Amino acid sequence: MPELALSGEITNNRNFDGLTVGTTSYRTGAINDTFHSHDNPTICFLLQGGGVEKRNRNSYEREPSDVRFYHGEELHQSIIKVFPSKCINLELKHQFLSRYEISENIVGAAVSKNPDIKFLMLKIHNELLADDVFTNSSIEILLLSLLDETRKSDRKRPDWITKLYELLNDRWAEQLSLEDLSSAVKVHPTTISKHFTKYFSCTLGEYMRKLKINKSIFLIRNSNLSLTEIACACGFADQSHFTRNFKKLTGLLPKDFKRL
């Protein structure tokens, strides 16, 4: 039998090695409009639906593909407005964080700065659906890899790396050359080439494709565009190129993600 959490229904729930992972669904009329908190830091990926969330005296809309991080005991209010709604939740208990010497701030940075976070949550969802003897270990490996990557890239980051990060995220749809980047951040192309992989954990081309797939995830969930139109809007040469990169990063074909 599915569990009930607040006003939602938990399915595919797994609790292992200091992690709790599962999906929560909200049907019509299932609205939680009271302030609440999670005992442990939690990552929430909104797969379907939407609503309004309030915390720290701020209010913002939540739309499909939105990912949020909550510190342990952080009060927030979730008002579900679009039904059905479904989210993937990943709770990291103290024993897990302590075992791998990971701070809550590193988890928060992974959610806010690392474009791989959406890919991680979708791959975790895939593992939950696989539901076999490898699921727990696969989820842990995926998470640790992302957090370690985030921790390394955050150490002593030069100012020009921060500027480069902002530039790439702001101009993700443009075909930026190494000379363009050098001119914008006022750093020699050789310096960018030498340090890019260290701080971004991938090549420039790989990073830009990640940003494009991130945008496509949003468009698939929040627009009526066809997959061909989305591929074009995100700067892919054709739908097959788009599909290949989407599958590589998320573990899903775009058409399968659209049906989730």
Protein backbone atom coordinates (compact mmCIF):
# COMPACT_ATOMS: atom_id res chain seq x y z
CA MET A 1 0.00 0.00 0.00
CA PRO A 2 1.30 3.52 -0.80
CA GLU A 3 2.11 5.73 2.17
CA LEU A 4 0.51 9.10 2.83
CA ALA A 5 2.77 12.12 3.31
CA LEU A 6 1.06 15.34 4.33
CA SER A 7 -1.63 15.48 1.64
CA GLY A 8 0.29 13.42 -0.93
CA GLU A 9 0.75 9.76 -1.73
CA ILE A 10 4.26 8.28 -1.62
CA THR A 11 5.20 5.58 -4.11
CA ASN A 12 8.43 3.79 -5.03
CA ASN A 13 9.77 4.69 -1.59
CA ARG A 14 13.22 3.40 -0.59
CA ASN A 15 15.11 3.95 2.67
CA PHE A 16 18.75 2.80 2.72
CA ASP A 17 22.21 3.83 3.92
CA GLY A 18 21.08 7.23 5.19
CA LEU A 19 19.05 8.10 2.09
CA THR A 20 15.31 8.17 1.57
CA VAL A 21 14.13 8.35 -2.03
CA GLY A 22 10.64 8.26 -3.46
CA THR A 23 7.97 9.96 -5.53
CA THR A 24 5.02 11.86 -4.10
CA SER A 25 1.82 12.43 -6.05
CA TYR A 26 -0.94 14.94 -5.34
CA ARG A 27 -4.41 14.54 -6.81
CA THR A 28 -7.21 17.09 -7.09
CA GLY A 29 -8.10 18.48 -3.71
CA ALA A 30 -4.92 17.23 -2.04
CA ILE A 31 -3.50 20.57 -0.97
CA ASN A 32 -1.03 21.14 1.83
CA ASP A 33 -1.36 24.79 2.83
CA THR A 34 0.40 24.75 6.19
CA PHE A 35 4.02 25.54 6.94
CA HIS A 36 6.08 22.42 7.46
CA SER A 37 9.69 21.23 7.34
CA HIS A 38 11.72 18.13 6.59
CA ASP A 39 13.84 16.57 9.32
CA ASN A 40 16.81 16.30 6.95
CA PRO A 41 18.11 18.24 3.93
CA THR A 42 15.96 17.33 0.94
CA ILE A 43 16.09 17.76 -2.84
CA CYS A 44 12.74 17.98 -4.61
CA PHE A 45 12.34 17.73 -8.40
CA LEU A 46 8.88 18.70 -9.62
CA LEU A 47 8.05 16.28 -12.41
CA GLN A 48 4.46 17.28 -13.05
CA GLY A 49 1.92 19.88 -11.92
CA GLY A 50 2.83 23.03 -10.02
CA GLY A 51 1.84 25.62 -7.49
CA VAL A 52 3.18 28.27 -5.16
CA GLU A 53 5.83 27.91 -2.49
CA LYS A 54 6.59 30.29 0.36
CA ARG A 55 9.67 30.44 2.57
CA ASN A 56 11.90 33.09 4.11
CA ARG A 57 9.14 35.63 3.46
CA ASN A 58 9.45 35.01 -0.27
CA SER A 59 6.89 33.49 -2.59
CA TYR A 60 7.57 31.88 -5.97
CA GLU A 61 5.86 29.74 -8.57
CA ARG A 62 6.88 26.11 -9.00
CA GLU A 63 6.59 24.68 -12.50
CA PRO A 64 7.46 21.25 -13.91
CA SER A 65 11.24 20.57 -14.06
CA ASP A 66 11.87 22.92 -11.12
CA VAL A 67 14.41 21.60 -8.57
CA ARG A 68 14.57 22.93 -5.00
CA PHE A 69 16.79 22.29 -2.00
CA TYR A 70 15.52 22.47 1.59
CA HIS A 71 17.79 22.59 4.59
CA GLY A 72 16.82 20.31 7.44
CA GLU A 73 14.09 21.90 9.61
CA GLU A 74 13.64 24.76 7.11
CA LEU A 75 10.03 25.94 7.24
CA HIS A 76 8.20 26.32 3.94
CA GLN A 77 4.65 26.28 2.65
CA SER A 78 3.63 24.40 -0.49
CA ILE A 79 0.31 25.19 -2.14
CA ILE A 80 -0.51 22.77 -4.95
CA LYS A 81 -2.53 24.46 -7.71
CA VAL A 82 -2.05 22.25 -10.76
CA PHE A 83 -3.25 18.65 -10.62
CA PRO A 84 -2.13 15.99 -10.82
CA SER A 85 1.25 16.98 -9.35
CA LYS A 86 4.18 14.66 -8.88
CA CYS A 87 7.65 15.16 -7.45
CA ILE A 88 10.78 13.10 -6.88
CA ASN A 89 12.21 13.57 -3.38
CA LEU A 90 15.69 12.73 -2.13
CA GLU A 91 16.32 13.09 1.61
CA LEU A 92 19.91 12.98 2.91
CA LYS A 93 20.18 12.00 6.56
CA HIS A 94 22.96 13.08 8.92
CA GLN A 95 24.59 9.65 8.86
CA PHE A 96 25.00 9.84 5.08
CA LEU A 97 26.42 13.39 5.13
CA SER A 98 28.76 12.53 8.02
CA ARG A 99 29.98 9.30 6.44
CA TYR A 100 31.11 11.08 3.28
CA GLU A 101 32.02 14.42 4.91
CA ILE A 102 29.47 16.34 2.87
CA SER A 103 27.96 19.60 4.12
CA GLU A 104 24.41 20.77 3.49
CA ASN A 105 25.92 23.73 1.64
CA ILE A 106 27.53 21.39 -0.89
CA VAL A 107 24.16 19.77 -1.52
CA GLY A 108 22.59 23.21 -1.90
CA ALA A 109 25.33 24.26 -4.34
CA ALA A 110 24.73 21.12 -6.42
CA VAL A 111 21.06 22.06 -6.75
CA SER A 112 21.61 25.74 -7.55
CA LYS A 113 24.79 25.60 -9.66
CA ASN A 114 25.22 22.16 -11.19
CA PRO A 115 23.24 21.59 -14.42
CA ASP A 116 23.52 17.84 -13.81
CA ILE A 117 21.06 17.98 -10.90
CA LYS A 118 18.00 17.46 -13.13
CA PHE A 119 19.72 14.61 -14.93
CA LEU A 120 20.53 13.05 -11.56
CA MET A 121 16.92 13.20 -10.38
CA LEU A 122 15.63 11.67 -13.63
CA LYS A 123 18.20 8.87 -13.45
CA ILE A 124 17.18 8.24 -9.82
CA HIS A 125 13.58 8.02 -10.99
CA ASN A 126 14.67 5.46 -13.60
CA GLU A 127 16.40 3.43 -10.91
CA LEU A 128 13.30 3.51 -8.70
CA LEU A 129 11.27 2.12 -11.57
CA ALA A 130 13.90 -0.57 -12.26
CA ASP A 131 13.51 -1.70 -8.64
CA ASP A 132 16.15 -4.43 -8.60
CA VAL A 133 19.14 -5.46 -6.47
CA PHE A 134 21.28 -2.73 -8.07
CA THR A 135 18.90 0.18 -7.45
CA ASN A 136 20.21 1.28 -4.04
CA SER A 137 23.88 1.19 -5.02
CA SER A 138 23.19 2.89 -8.35
CA ILE A 139 21.38 5.78 -6.66
CA GLU A 140 24.15 6.22 -4.10
CA ILE A 141 26.87 6.19 -6.79
CA LEU A 142 24.98 8.75 -8.91
CA LEU A 143 24.51 11.09 -5.94
CA LEU A 144 28.07 10.81 -4.60
CA SER A 145 29.52 11.44 -8.04
CA LEU A 146 27.51 14.66 -8.42
CA LEU A 147 28.27 15.93 -4.91
CA ASP A 148 31.99 15.19 -5.24
CA GLU A 149 32.05 16.99 -8.59
CA THR A 150 30.32 20.01 -7.03
CA ARG A 151 32.62 20.02 -4.01
CA LYS A 152 35.75 20.03 -6.19
CA SER A 153 34.52 22.72 -8.55
CA ASP A 154 33.59 25.04 -5.65
CA ARG A 155 37.04 25.04 -4.06
CA LYS A 156 38.91 28.33 -4.47
CA ARG A 157 37.03 29.24 -7.63
CA PRO A 158 38.69 32.25 -9.34
CA ASP A 159 36.50 35.26 -10.06
CA TRP A 160 36.83 34.73 -13.81
CA ILE A 161 35.39 31.19 -13.46
CA THR A 162 32.31 32.65 -11.76
CA LYS A 163 31.97 35.21 -14.58
CA LEU A 164 32.40 32.45 -17.14
CA TYR A 165 29.74 30.33 -15.44
CA GLU A 166 27.27 33.24 -15.51
CA LEU A 167 28.12 34.05 -19.12
CA LEU A 168 27.56 30.49 -20.35
CA ASN A 169 24.28 30.14 -18.46
CA ASP A 170 23.00 33.50 -19.71
CA ARG A 171 24.02 32.92 -23.33
CA TRP A 172 23.39 29.17 -23.56
CA ALA A 173 21.69 29.48 -26.97
CA GLU A 174 24.64 31.23 -28.65
CA GLN A 175 27.59 29.64 -30.44
CA LEU A 176 30.37 31.08 -28.30
CA SER A 177 33.97 30.59 -29.36
CA LEU A 178 36.98 30.40 -27.09
CA GLU A 179 37.91 33.90 -28.27
CA ASP A 180 34.45 35.16 -27.31
CA LEU A 181 34.84 33.74 -23.81
CA SER A 182 38.35 35.13 -23.47
CA SER A 183 37.22 38.61 -24.46
CA ALA A 184 34.20 38.54 -22.14
CA VAL A 185 36.02 37.41 -18.97
CA LYS A 186 39.35 39.08 -19.87
CA VAL A 187 41.40 35.90 -19.47
CA HIS A 188 43.78 34.42 -22.04
CA PRO A 189 42.30 31.56 -24.10
CA THR A 190 45.11 29.26 -22.96
CA THR A 191 44.16 29.84 -19.31
CA ILE A 192 40.52 29.03 -20.02
CA SER A 193 41.53 25.88 -21.91
CA LYS A 194 43.82 24.77 -19.10
CA HIS A 195 41.32 25.19 -16.28
CA PHE A 196 37.87 24.71 -17.83
CA THR A 197 37.60 20.97 -17.25
CA LYS A 198 38.88 21.34 -13.68
CA TYR A 199 36.01 23.63 -12.67
CA PHE A 200 33.22 22.42 -14.97
CA SER A 201 34.09 18.69 -14.91
CA CYS A 202 33.55 18.46 -18.67
CA THR A 203 34.52 20.11 -21.93
CA LEU A 204 32.99 23.37 -23.16
CA GLY A 205 30.93 21.49 -25.74
CA GLU A 206 29.63 19.02 -23.16
CA TYR A 207 28.69 21.84 -20.79
CA MET A 208 26.80 23.76 -23.47
CA ARG A 209 24.90 20.61 -24.47
CA LYS A 210 23.95 20.12 -20.80
CA LEU A 211 22.52 23.63 -20.69
CA LYS A 212 20.54 22.99 -23.88
CA ILE A 213 19.11 19.73 -22.56
CA ASN A 214 18.22 21.50 -19.30
CA LYS A 215 16.26 24.04 -21.33
CA SER A 216 14.59 21.27 -23.31
CA ILE A 217 13.44 19.59 -20.08
CA PHE A 218 11.67 22.81 -19.14
CA LEU A 219 10.09 23.20 -22.58
CA ILE A 220 8.85 19.62 -22.74
CA ARG A 221 7.04 20.13 -19.45
CA ASN A 222 5.91 23.72 -19.88
CA SER A 223 5.06 24.24 -23.54
CA ASN A 224 2.98 22.75 -26.33
CA LEU A 225 5.89 22.63 -28.74
CA SER A 226 6.60 19.40 -30.58
CA LEU A 227 9.86 17.60 -29.88
CA THR A 228 11.13 18.71 -33.29
CA GLU A 229 10.35 22.33 -32.43
CA ILE A 230 12.01 21.97 -29.03
CA ALA A 231 15.13 20.50 -30.64
CA CYS A 232 15.31 23.52 -32.92
CA ALA A 233 14.58 26.02 -30.14
CA CYS A 234 17.42 24.54 -28.07
CA GLY A 235 19.93 24.82 -30.88
CA PHE A 236 20.28 21.20 -31.97
CA ALA A 237 20.96 20.52 -35.64
CA ASP A 238 18.16 17.97 -35.86
CA GLN A 239 15.89 15.84 -33.69
CA SER A 240 18.17 12.80 -33.80
CA HIS A 241 21.05 14.86 -32.37
CA PHE A 242 18.71 16.18 -29.68
CA THR A 243 17.38 12.70 -28.86
CA ARG A 244 20.85 11.21 -28.61
CA ASN A 245 22.06 13.87 -26.17
CA PHE A 246 18.85 13.77 -24.13
CA LYS A 247 19.12 9.99 -23.69
CA LYS A 248 22.82 10.22 -22.80
CA LEU A 249 22.24 12.77 -20.03
CA THR A 250 18.91 11.65 -18.58
CA GLY A 251 18.70 7.97 -19.41
CA LEU A 252 15.38 8.63 -21.16
CA LEU A 253 14.20 9.31 -24.67
CA PRO A 254 12.47 12.72 -24.92
CA LYS A 255 9.17 11.05 -25.86
CA ASP A 256 9.37 8.80 -22.77
CA PHE A 257 10.13 11.78 -20.51
CA LYS A 258 7.12 13.59 -21.99
CA ARG A 259 4.88 10.69 -20.92
CA LEU A 260 6.10 10.53 -17.30
